[in-house]
Amino acid sequence: MGLAQYAIVPVQDEWGVLHDGDVKNTYATKEAAFESAVAAASLALREGHEVQVSVPGRETGGNALGVQDNA
Protein backbone atom coordinates (compact mmCIF):
# COMPACT_ATOMS: atom_id res chain seq x y z
CA MET A 1 0.00 0.00 0.00
CA GLY A 2 0.97 3.64 -0.32
CA LEU A 3 1.69 6.54 1.96
CA ALA A 4 -1.10 9.00 2.81
CA GLN A 5 0.25 12.34 4.08
CA TYR A 6 -1.89 15.11 5.55
CA ALA A 7 -0.37 18.46 6.52
CA ILE A 8 -2.22 21.25 8.31
CA VAL A 9 -1.22 24.49 6.57
CA PRO A 10 -2.14 28.18 6.95
CA VAL A 11 -4.33 29.55 4.14
CA GLN A 12 -4.56 33.34 4.52
CA ASP A 13 -6.37 33.77 7.87
CA GLU A 14 -7.70 30.17 7.94
CA TRP A 15 -6.29 26.63 7.91
CA GLY A 16 -6.33 23.87 5.31
CA VAL A 17 -5.34 20.24 4.89
CA LEU A 18 -2.69 19.64 2.24
CA HIS A 19 -3.08 16.19 0.69
CA ASP A 20 -1.77 15.03 -2.69
CA GLY A 21 -0.51 18.56 -3.41
CA ASP A 22 -3.90 20.22 -3.01
CA VAL A 23 -5.93 22.01 -0.33
CA LYS A 24 -9.61 21.37 -1.01
CA ASN A 25 -11.27 23.05 2.00
CA THR A 26 -10.41 25.70 4.57
CA TYR A 27 -11.29 25.78 8.26
CA ALA A 28 -11.60 28.58 10.80
CA THR A 29 -9.26 26.87 13.28
CA LYS A 30 -6.24 24.62 13.20
CA GLU A 31 -8.16 22.18 15.39
CA ALA A 32 -11.00 21.89 12.84
CA ALA A 33 -8.50 21.23 10.05
CA PHE A 34 -6.80 18.61 12.23
CA GLU A 35 -10.10 16.82 12.91
CA SER A 36 -10.81 16.70 9.18
CA ALA A 37 -7.33 15.35 8.44
CA VAL A 38 -7.62 12.66 11.11
CA ALA A 39 -10.98 11.50 9.72
CA ALA A 40 -9.44 11.14 6.26
CA ALA A 41 -6.33 9.49 7.72
CA SER A 42 -8.50 6.97 9.54
CA LEU A 43 -10.06 5.87 6.25
CA ALA A 44 -6.63 5.57 4.63
CA LEU A 45 -5.40 3.52 7.59
CA ARG A 46 -8.31 1.09 7.22
CA GLU A 47 -7.35 0.67 3.56
CA GLY A 48 -3.86 -0.40 4.66
CA HIS A 49 -1.89 2.78 3.88
CA GLU A 50 0.90 4.17 6.01
CA VAL A 51 -0.38 7.49 7.39
CA GLN A 52 1.40 10.69 8.40
CA VAL A 53 -0.34 13.78 9.84
CA SER A 54 1.64 16.93 10.57
CA VAL A 55 0.52 20.07 12.39
CA PRO A 56 2.64 23.18 12.92
CA GLY A 57 3.25 24.36 16.45
CA ARG A 58 2.11 27.63 17.93
CA GLU A 59 3.68 30.82 16.63
CA THR A 60 5.06 33.31 19.11
CA GLY A 61 2.17 35.45 20.33
CA GLY A 62 -0.48 33.14 18.88
CA ASN A 63 -2.57 30.52 20.59
CA ALA A 64 -2.41 26.75 20.24
CA LEU A 65 -5.53 26.45 18.06
CA GLY A 66 -4.37 28.96 15.48
CA VAL A 67 -7.09 31.53 16.03
CA GLN A 68 -6.50 35.21 16.65
CA ASP A 69 -7.18 36.67 20.07
CA ASN A 70 -9.50 39.67 19.87
CA ALA A 71 -8.31 41.06 23.21
PDB file of N, CA and C in Angstrom:
ATOM      1  N   MET A   1       0.836  -1.190   0.000  1.00  0.00           N
ATOM      2  CA  MET A   1       0.000   0.000   0.000  1.00  0.00           C
ATOM      3  C   MET A   1       0.875   1.244   0.000  1.00  0.00           C
ATOM      4  N   GLY A   2       0.245   2.379  -0.205  1.00  0.00           N
ATOM      5  CA  GLY A   2       0.972   3.639  -0.315  1.00  0.00           C
ATOM      6  C   GLY A   2       1.028   4.422   0.979  1.00  0.00           C
ATOM      7  N   LEU A   3       1.560   5.615   0.844  1.00  0.00           N
ATOM      8  CA  LEU A   3       1.693   6.537   1.961  1.00  0.00           C
ATOM      9  C   LEU A   3       0.672   7.660   1.797  1.00  0.00           C
ATOM     10  N   ALA A   4      -0.135   7.895   2.812  1.00  0.00           N
ATOM     11  CA  ALA A   4      -1.100   8.997   2.814  1.00  0.00           C
ATOM     12  C   ALA A   4      -0.595  10.060   3.780  1.00  0.00           C
ATOM     13  N   GLN A   5      -0.270  11.246   3.253  1.00  0.00           N
ATOM     14  CA  GLN A   5       0.249  12.337   4.078  1.00  0.00           C
ATOM     15  C   GLN A   5      -0.769  13.474   4.125  1.00  0.00           C
ATOM     16  N   TYR A   6      -0.971  13.996   5.317  1.00  0.00           N
ATOM     17  CA  TYR A   6      -1.885  15.105   5.545  1.00  0.00           C
ATOM     18  C   TYR A   6      -1.128  16.161   6.353  1.00  0.00           C
ATOM     19  N   ALA A   7      -1.083  17.384   5.840  1.00  0.00           N
ATOM     20  CA  ALA A   7      -0.366  18.460   6.525  1.00  0.00           C
ATOM     21  C   ALA A   7      -1.323  19.627   6.747  1.00  0.00           C
ATOM     22  N   ILE A   8      -1.418  20.083   7.985  1.00  0.00           N
ATOM     23  CA  ILE A   8      -2.225  21.249   8.305  1.00  0.00           C
ATOM     24  C   ILE A   8      -1.390  22.478   7.930  1.00  0.00           C
ATOM     25  N   VAL A   9      -1.961  23.331   7.080  1.00  0.00           N
ATOM     26  CA  VAL A   9      -1.220  24.494   6.573  1.00  0.00           C
ATOM     27  C   VAL A   9      -2.060  25.762   6.700  1.00  0.00           C
ATOM     28  N   PRO A  10      -1.396  26.914   6.929  1.00  0.00           N
ATOM     29  CA  PRO A  10      -2.139  28.180   6.950  1.00  0.00           C
ATOM     30  C   PRO A  10      -2.569  28.562   5.531  1.00  0.00           C
ATOM     31  N   VAL A  11      -3.790  29.057   5.419  1.00  0.00           N
ATOM     32  CA  VAL A  11      -4.332  29.549   4.144  1.00  0.00           C
ATOM     33  C   VAL A  11      -4.942  30.911   4.430  1.00  0.00           C
ATOM     34  N   GLN A  12      -4.185  31.973   4.162  1.00  0.00           N
ATOM     35  CA  GLN A  12      -4.556  33.343   4.516  1.00  0.00           C
ATOM     36  C   GLN A  12      -4.853  33.395   6.013  1.00  0.00           C
ATOM     37  N   ASP A  13      -6.073  33.700   6.429  1.00  0.00           N
ATOM     38  CA  ASP A  13      -6.370  33.765   7.868  1.00  0.00           C
ATOM     39  C   ASP A  13      -7.123  32.526   8.347  1.00  0.00           C
ATOM     40  N   GLU A  14      -7.050  31.434   7.582  1.00  0.00           N
ATOM     41  CA  GLU A  14      -7.705  30.172   7.942  1.00  0.00           C
ATOM     42  C   GLU A  14      -6.668  29.050   7.886  1.00  0.00           C
ATOM     43  N   TRP A  15      -7.145  27.810   7.947  1.00  0.00           N
ATOM     44  CA  TRP A  15      -6.290  26.629   7.910  1.00  0.00           C
ATOM     45  C   TRP A  15      -6.824  25.638   6.891  1.00  0.00           C
ATOM     46  N   GLY A  16      -5.935  24.884   6.269  1.00  0.00           N
ATOM     47  CA  GLY A  16      -6.333  23.872   5.310  1.00  0.00           C
ATOM     48  C   GLY A  16      -5.587  22.579   5.547  1.00  0.00           C
ATOM     49  N   VAL A  17      -6.002  21.537   4.832  1.00  0.00           N
ATOM     50  CA  VAL A  17      -5.344  20.236   4.893  1.00  0.00           C
ATOM     51  C   VAL A  17      -4.723  19.980   3.520  1.00  0.00           C
ATOM     52  N   LEU A  18      -3.403  19.930   3.481  1.00  0.00           N
ATOM     53  CA  LEU A  18      -2.692  19.645   2.244  1.00  0.00           C
ATOM     54  C   LEU A  18      -2.591  18.136   2.080  1.00  0.00           C
ATOM     55  N   HIS A  19      -3.120  17.633   0.980  1.00  0.00           N
ATOM     56  CA  HIS A  19      -3.084  16.195   0.692  1.00  0.00           C
ATOM     57  C   HIS A  19      -2.966  16.033  -0.816  1.00  0.00           C
ATOM     58  N   ASP A  20      -2.022  15.240  -1.257  1.00  0.00           N
ATOM     59  CA  ASP A  20      -1.774  15.034  -2.692  1.00  0.00           C
ATOM     60  C   ASP A  20      -1.553  16.351  -3.429  1.00  0.00           C
ATOM     61  N   GLY A  21      -0.862  17.298  -2.768  1.00  0.00           N
ATOM     62  CA  GLY A  21      -0.511  18.557  -3.409  1.00  0.00           C
ATOM     63  C   GLY A  21      -1.623  19.571  -3.539  1.00  0.00           C
ATOM     64  N   ASP A  22      -2.750  19.334  -2.854  1.00  0.00           N
ATOM     65  CA  ASP A  22      -3.903  20.219  -3.008  1.00  0.00           C
ATOM     66  C   ASP A  22      -4.570  20.463  -1.658  1.00  0.00           C
ATOM     67  N   VAL A  23      -5.101  21.664  -1.481  1.00  0.00           N
ATOM     68  CA  VAL A  23      -5.926  22.010  -0.327  1.00  0.00           C
ATOM     69  C   VAL A  23      -7.344  22.203  -0.840  1.00  0.00           C
ATOM     70  N   LYS A  24      -8.247  21.308  -0.474  1.00  0.00           N
ATOM     71  CA  LYS A  24      -9.608  21.368  -1.014  1.00  0.00           C
ATOM     72  C   LYS A  24     -10.555  22.243  -0.193  1.00  0.00           C
ATOM     73  N   ASN A  25     -10.377  22.292   1.119  1.00  0.00           N
ATOM     74  CA  ASN A  25     -11.267  23.051   1.999  1.00  0.00           C
ATOM     75  C   ASN A  25     -10.438  23.887   2.960  1.00  0.00           C
ATOM     76  N   THR A  26     -11.061  24.939   3.509  1.00  0.00           N
ATOM     77  CA  THR A  26     -10.408  25.701   4.568  1.00  0.00           C
ATOM     78  C   THR A  26     -11.279  25.668   5.810  1.00  0.00           C
ATOM     79  N   TYR A  27     -10.637  25.881   6.960  1.00  0.00           N
ATOM     80  CA  TYR A  27     -11.289  25.782   8.255  1.00  0.00           C
ATOM     81  C   TYR A  27     -10.935  26.996   9.094  1.00  0.00           C
ATOM     82  N   ALA A  28     -11.816  27.402   9.973  1.00  0.00           N
ATOM     83  CA  ALA A  28     -11.600  28.584  10.800  1.00  0.00           C
ATOM     84  C   ALA A  28     -10.486  28.385  11.821  1.00  0.00           C
ATOM     85  N   THR A  29     -10.288  27.138  12.272  1.00  0.00           N
ATOM     86  CA  THR A  29      -9.263  26.875  13.285  1.00  0.00           C
ATOM     87  C   THR A  29      -8.356  25.730  12.854  1.00  0.00           C
ATOM     88  N   LYS A  30      -7.183  25.715  13.433  1.00  0.00           N
ATOM     89  CA  LYS A  30      -6.240  24.622  13.203  1.00  0.00           C
ATOM     90  C   LYS A  30      -6.827  23.308  13.709  1.00  0.00           C
ATOM     91  N   GLU A  31      -7.552  23.376  14.820  1.00  0.00           N
ATOM     92  CA  GLU A  31      -8.164  22.176  15.386  1.00  0.00           C
ATOM     93  C   GLU A  31      -9.192  21.563  14.432  1.00  0.00           C
ATOM     94  N   ALA A  32     -10.001  22.393  13.790  1.00  0.00           N
ATOM     95  CA  ALA A  32     -11.001  21.891  12.841  1.00  0.00           C
ATOM     96  C   ALA A  32     -10.320  21.225  11.644  1.00  0.00           C
ATOM     97  N   ALA A  33      -9.248  21.831  11.153  1.00  0.00           N
ATOM     98  CA  ALA A  33      -8.502  21.233  10.048  1.00  0.00           C
ATOM     99  C   ALA A  33      -7.896  19.898  10.477  1.00  0.00           C
ATOM    100  N   PHE A  34      -7.368  19.849  11.694  1.00  0.00           N
ATOM    101  CA  PHE A  34      -6.799  18.612  12.227  1.00  0.00           C
ATOM    102  C   PHE A  34      -7.852  17.506  12.296  1.00  0.00           C
ATOM    103  N   GLU A  35      -9.031  17.828  12.804  1.00  0.00           N
ATOM    104  CA  GLU A  35     -10.096  16.824  12.907  1.00  0.00           C
ATOM    105  C   GLU A  35     -10.480  16.278  11.540  1.00  0.00           C
ATOM    106  N   SER A  36     -10.518  17.145  10.539  1.00  0.00           N
ATOM    107  CA  SER A  36     -10.811  16.704   9.184  1.00  0.00           C
ATOM    108  C   SER A  36      -9.711  15.782   8.655  1.00  0.00           C
ATOM    109  N   ALA A  37      -8.455  16.164   8.893  1.00  0.00           N
ATOM    110  CA  ALA A  37      -7.330  15.350   8.437  1.00  0.00           C
ATOM    111  C   ALA A  37      -7.325  13.981   9.098  1.00  0.00           C
ATOM    112  N   VAL A  38      -7.624  13.941  10.384  1.00  0.00           N
ATOM    113  CA  VAL A  38      -7.617  12.665  11.106  1.00  0.00           C
ATOM    114  C   VAL A  38      -8.743  11.747  10.613  1.00  0.00           C
ATOM    115  N   ALA A  39      -9.882  12.317  10.278  1.00  0.00           N
ATOM    116  CA  ALA A  39     -10.975  11.503   9.724  1.00  0.00           C
ATOM    117  C   ALA A  39     -10.545  10.875   8.393  1.00  0.00           C
ATOM    118  N   ALA A  40      -9.920  11.669   7.535  1.00  0.00           N
ATOM    119  CA  ALA A  40      -9.439  11.139   6.260  1.00  0.00           C
ATOM    120  C   ALA A  40      -8.326  10.120   6.480  1.00  0.00           C
ATOM    121  N   ALA A  41      -7.430  10.404   7.427  1.00  0.00           N
ATOM    122  CA  ALA A  41      -6.332   9.489   7.721  1.00  0.00           C
ATOM    123  C   ALA A  41      -6.847   8.157   8.251  1.00  0.00           C
ATOM    124  N   SER A  42      -7.917   8.197   9.014  1.00  0.00           N
ATOM    125  CA  SER A  42      -8.505   6.972   9.543  1.00  0.00           C
ATOM    126  C   SER A  42      -8.996   6.058   8.415  1.00  0.00           C
ATOM    127  N   LEU A  43      -9.607   6.662   7.408  1.00  0.00           N
ATOM    128  CA  LEU A  43     -10.064   5.870   6.251  1.00  0.00           C
ATOM    129  C   LEU A  43      -8.867   5.270   5.504  1.00  0.00           C
ATOM    130  N   ALA A  44      -7.816   6.064   5.320  1.00  0.00           N
ATOM    131  CA  ALA A  44      -6.626   5.570   4.631  1.00  0.00           C
ATOM    132  C   ALA A  44      -5.978   4.426   5.417  1.00  0.00           C
ATOM    133  N   LEU A  45      -5.959   4.551   6.727  1.00  0.00           N
ATOM    134  CA  LEU A  45      -5.396   3.515   7.586  1.00  0.00           C
ATOM    135  C   LEU A  45      -6.160   2.202   7.430  1.00  0.00           C
ATOM    136  N   ARG A  46      -7.480   2.297   7.400  1.00  0.00           N
ATOM    137  CA  ARG A  46      -8.308   1.095   7.222  1.00  0.00           C
ATOM    138  C   ARG A  46      -8.047   0.417   5.892  1.00  0.00           C
ATOM    139  N   GLU A  47      -7.649   1.227   4.879  1.00  0.00           N
ATOM    140  CA  GLU A  47      -7.349   0.672   3.564  1.00  0.00           C
ATOM    141  C   GLU A  47      -5.937   0.095   3.491  1.00  0.00           C
ATOM    142  N   GLY A  48      -5.173   0.205   4.596  1.00  0.00           N
ATOM    143  CA  GLY A  48      -3.856  -0.399   4.659  1.00  0.00           C
ATOM    144  C   GLY A  48      -2.698   0.528   4.345  1.00  0.00           C
ATOM    145  N   HIS A  49      -2.954   1.821   4.182  1.00  0.00           N
ATOM    146  CA  HIS A  49      -1.887   2.777   3.884  1.00  0.00           C
ATOM    147  C   HIS A  49      -1.109   3.156   5.141  1.00  0.00           C
ATOM    148  N   GLU A  50       0.149   3.498   4.955  1.00  0.00           N
ATOM    149  CA  GLU A  50       0.903   4.171   6.006  1.00  0.00           C
ATOM    150  C   GLU A  50       0.363   5.597   6.051  1.00  0.00           C
ATOM    151  N   VAL A  51       0.219   6.169   7.241  1.00  0.00           N
ATOM    152  CA  VAL A  51      -0.384   7.489   7.390  1.00  0.00           C
ATOM    153  C   VAL A  51       0.547   8.411   8.173  1.00  0.00           C
ATOM    154  N   GLN A  52       0.670   9.647   7.688  1.00  0.00           N
ATOM    155  CA  GLN A  52       1.396  10.687   8.403  1.00  0.00           C
ATOM    156  C   GLN A  52       0.529  11.941   8.452  1.00  0.00           C
ATOM    157  N   VAL A  53       0.390  12.523   9.650  1.00  0.00           N
ATOM    158  CA  VAL A  53      -0.341  13.775   9.841  1.00  0.00           C
ATOM    159  C   VAL A  53       0.614  14.748  10.520  1.00  0.00           C
ATOM    160  N   SER A  54       0.771  15.938   9.947  1.00  0.00           N
ATOM    161  CA  SER A  54       1.642  16.932  10.571  1.00  0.00           C
ATOM    162  C   SER A  54       0.872  18.221  10.818  1.00  0.00           C
ATOM    163  N   VAL A  55       1.177  18.833  11.964  1.00  0.00           N
ATOM    164  CA  VAL A  55       0.516  20.067  12.386  1.00  0.00           C
ATOM    165  C   VAL A  55       1.593  21.009  12.912  1.00  0.00           C
ATOM    166  N   PRO A  56       1.628  22.252  12.412  1.00  0.00           N
ATOM    167  CA  PRO A  56       2.640  23.177  12.923  1.00  0.00           C
ATOM    168  C   PRO A  56       2.350  23.576  14.364  1.00  0.00           C
ATOM    169  N   GLY A  57       3.403  23.898  15.080  1.00  0.00           N
ATOM    170  CA  GLY A  57       3.248  24.363  16.455  1.00  0.00           C
ATOM    171  C   GLY A  57       2.753  25.801  16.505  1.00  0.00           C
ATOM    172  N   ARG A  58       2.577  26.278  17.686  1.00  0.00           N
ATOM    173  CA  ARG A  58       2.110  27.633  17.933  1.00  0.00           C
ATOM    174  C   ARG A  58       3.184  28.650  17.556  1.00  0.00           C
ATOM    175  N   GLU A  59       2.762  29.721  16.910  1.00  0.00           N
ATOM    176  CA  GLU A  59       3.680  30.819  16.629  1.00  0.00           C
ATOM    177  C   GLU A  59       3.785  31.701  17.860  1.00  0.00           C
ATOM    178  N   THR A  60       4.889  32.391  17.990  1.00  0.00           N
ATOM    179  CA  THR A  60       5.061  33.314  19.108  1.00  0.00           C
ATOM    180  C   THR A  60       3.944  34.343  19.093  1.00  0.00           C
ATOM    181  N   GLY A  61       3.258  34.492  20.223  1.00  0.00           N
ATOM    182  CA  GLY A  61       2.173  35.451  20.330  1.00  0.00           C
ATOM    183  C   GLY A  61       0.827  34.900  19.891  1.00  0.00           C
ATOM    184  N   GLY A  62       0.791  33.735  19.294  1.00  0.00           N
ATOM    185  CA  GLY A  62      -0.479  33.139  18.882  1.00  0.00           C
ATOM    186  C   GLY A  62      -0.982  32.170  19.929  1.00  0.00           C
ATOM    187  N   ASN A  63      -2.110  31.541  19.661  1.00  0.00           N
ATOM    188  CA  ASN A  63      -2.567  30.516  20.591  1.00  0.00           C
ATOM    189  C   ASN A  63      -2.481  29.151  19.945  1.00  0.00           C
ATOM    190  N   ALA A  64      -2.647  28.113  20.703  1.00  0.00           N
ATOM    191  CA  ALA A  64      -2.406  26.748  20.243  1.00  0.00           C
ATOM    192  C   ALA A  64      -3.359  26.309  19.142  1.00  0.00           C
ATOM    193  N   LEU A  65      -4.552  26.892  19.055  1.00  0.00           N
ATOM    194  CA  LEU A  65      -5.531  26.452  18.063  1.00  0.00           C
ATOM    195  C   LEU A  65      -5.438  27.232  16.762  1.00  0.00           C
ATOM    196  N   GLY A  66      -4.556  28.227  16.722  1.00  0.00           N
ATOM    197  CA  GLY A  66      -4.373  28.961  15.476  1.00  0.00           C
ATOM    198  C   GLY A  66      -5.423  29.999  15.198  1.00  0.00           C
ATOM    199  N   VAL A  67      -6.112  30.460  16.217  1.00  0.00           N
ATOM    200  CA  VAL A  67      -7.091  31.529  16.032  1.00  0.00           C
ATOM    201  C   VAL A  67      -6.548  32.807  16.657  1.00  0.00           C
ATOM    202  N   GLN A  68      -6.977  33.938  16.131  1.00  0.00           N
ATOM    203  CA  GLN A  68      -6.503  35.211  16.647  1.00  0.00           C
ATOM    204  C   GLN A  68      -7.269  35.591  17.899  1.00  0.00           C
ATOM    205  N   ASP A  69      -6.528  36.124  18.880  1.00  0.00           N
ATOM    206  CA  ASP A  69      -7.178  36.669  20.071  1.00  0.00           C
ATOM    207  C   ASP A  69      -7.700  38.042  19.719  1.00  0.00           C
ATOM    208  N   ASN A  70      -8.897  38.352  20.134  1.00  0.00           N
ATOM    209  CA  ASN A  70      -9.495  39.666  19.873  1.00  0.00           C
ATOM    210  C   ASN A  70      -9.361  40.594  21.066  1.00  0.00           C
ATOM    211  N   ALA A  71      -8.489  40.245  21.998  1.00  0.00           N
ATOM    212  CA  ALA A  71      -8.309  41.060  23.206  1.00  0.00           C
ATOM    213  C   ALA A  71      -7.397  42.234  22.954  1.00  0.00           C
TER     214      ALA A  71
END
